[in-house]
């Protein structure tokens, strides 16, 4: 595990401290969770871009053609 020192504007620090307190967690847990969320979002974006580059319109259309044609269920029309 690493220790880092970060500089935050006072307003952001106070907001983070308040939110961590409301969630009954430490500032360390709050910041670690925030970093994990951001890393996950960026990793997902990269993954989806890589998948999109490998996409095949021909295979997509073939998959759609394999779905039987039928009217949507009533709850899908809302």
Protein backbone atom coordinates (compact mmCIF):
# COMPACT_ATOMS: atom_id res chain seq x y z
CA UNK A 1 0.00 0.00 0.00
CA UNK A 2 1.23 3.49 -0.83
CA UNK A 3 1.00 6.75 1.04
CA UNK A 4 0.47 9.92 -0.97
CA UNK A 5 0.00 13.57 -0.17
CA UNK A 6 -2.51 15.53 -2.21
CA UNK A 7 -3.45 19.17 -2.38
CA UNK A 8 -7.16 19.96 -2.49
CA UNK A 9 -8.92 23.30 -2.55
CA UNK A 10 -10.40 23.98 0.88
CA UNK A 11 -13.94 23.87 -0.47
CA UNK A 12 -13.45 20.43 -2.04
CA UNK A 13 -11.71 19.14 1.09
CA UNK A 14 -14.59 20.34 3.27
CA UNK A 15 -17.19 18.79 0.97
CA UNK A 16 -15.32 15.47 0.91
CA UNK A 17 -14.94 15.52 4.69
CA UNK A 18 -18.67 16.16 5.11
CA UNK A 19 -19.65 13.40 2.69
CA UNK A 20 -17.27 10.90 4.26
CA UNK A 21 -18.71 11.73 7.67
CA UNK A 22 -22.26 11.28 6.38
CA UNK A 23 -21.29 7.85 5.01
CA UNK A 24 -19.56 6.99 8.31
CA UNK A 25 -16.25 6.32 6.57
CA UNK A 26 -12.79 7.81 6.86
CA UNK A 27 -11.45 10.38 4.44
CA UNK A 28 -8.95 7.71 3.35
CA UNK A 29 -11.78 5.31 2.46
CA UNK A 30 -13.72 8.09 0.74
CA UNK A 31 -10.78 9.18 -1.42
CA UNK A 32 -9.73 5.57 -2.19
CA UNK A 33 -13.31 4.84 -3.29
CA UNK A 34 -13.42 7.97 -5.46
CA UNK A 35 -10.13 7.04 -7.15
CA UNK A 36 -11.35 3.46 -7.67
CA UNK A 37 -14.54 4.75 -9.32
CA UNK A 38 -12.59 6.99 -11.68
CA UNK A 39 -10.09 4.26 -12.58
CA UNK A 40 -12.98 1.85 -13.23
CA UNK A 41 -14.77 4.37 -15.45
CA UNK A 42 -11.65 5.07 -17.51
CA UNK A 43 -10.80 1.36 -17.79
CA UNK A 44 -14.36 0.62 -18.95
CA UNK A 45 -14.17 3.38 -21.54
CA UNK A 46 -10.90 1.97 -22.88
CA UNK A 47 -12.33 -1.57 -22.94
CA UNK A 48 -15.45 -0.47 -24.83
CA UNK A 49 -13.39 1.49 -27.38
CA UNK A 50 -11.21 -1.57 -27.98
CA UNK A 51 -14.29 -3.79 -28.37
CA UNK A 52 -15.88 -1.29 -30.77
CA UNK A 53 -12.76 -1.33 -32.95
CA UNK A 54 -13.13 -5.12 -33.31
CA UNK A 55 -16.86 -4.89 -34.08
CA UNK A 56 -18.26 -6.29 -37.29
CA UNK A 57 -21.37 -4.76 -38.82
CA UNK A 58 -21.89 -7.95 -40.85
CA UNK A 59 -21.88 -10.13 -37.71
CA UNK A 60 -24.17 -7.67 -35.92
CA UNK A 61 -26.73 -7.77 -38.74
CA UNK A 62 -26.49 -11.57 -38.85
CA UNK A 63 -27.21 -11.72 -35.11
CA UNK A 64 -30.23 -9.42 -35.52
CA UNK A 65 -31.49 -11.52 -38.43
CA UNK A 66 -31.43 -14.58 -36.15
CA UNK A 67 -33.95 -12.96 -33.77
CA UNK A 68 -37.50 -13.99 -34.58
CA UNK A 69 -39.81 -11.16 -35.67
CA UNK A 70 -42.58 -10.58 -33.13
CA UNK A 71 -44.49 -7.73 -31.59
CA UNK A 72 -42.98 -6.30 -28.39
CA UNK A 73 -44.52 -7.20 -25.04
CA UNK A 74 -46.96 -4.62 -23.66
CA UNK A 75 -44.60 -3.60 -20.83
CA UNK A 76 -41.92 -2.78 -23.42
CA UNK A 77 -44.16 -0.18 -25.04
CA UNK A 78 -44.38 2.11 -22.00
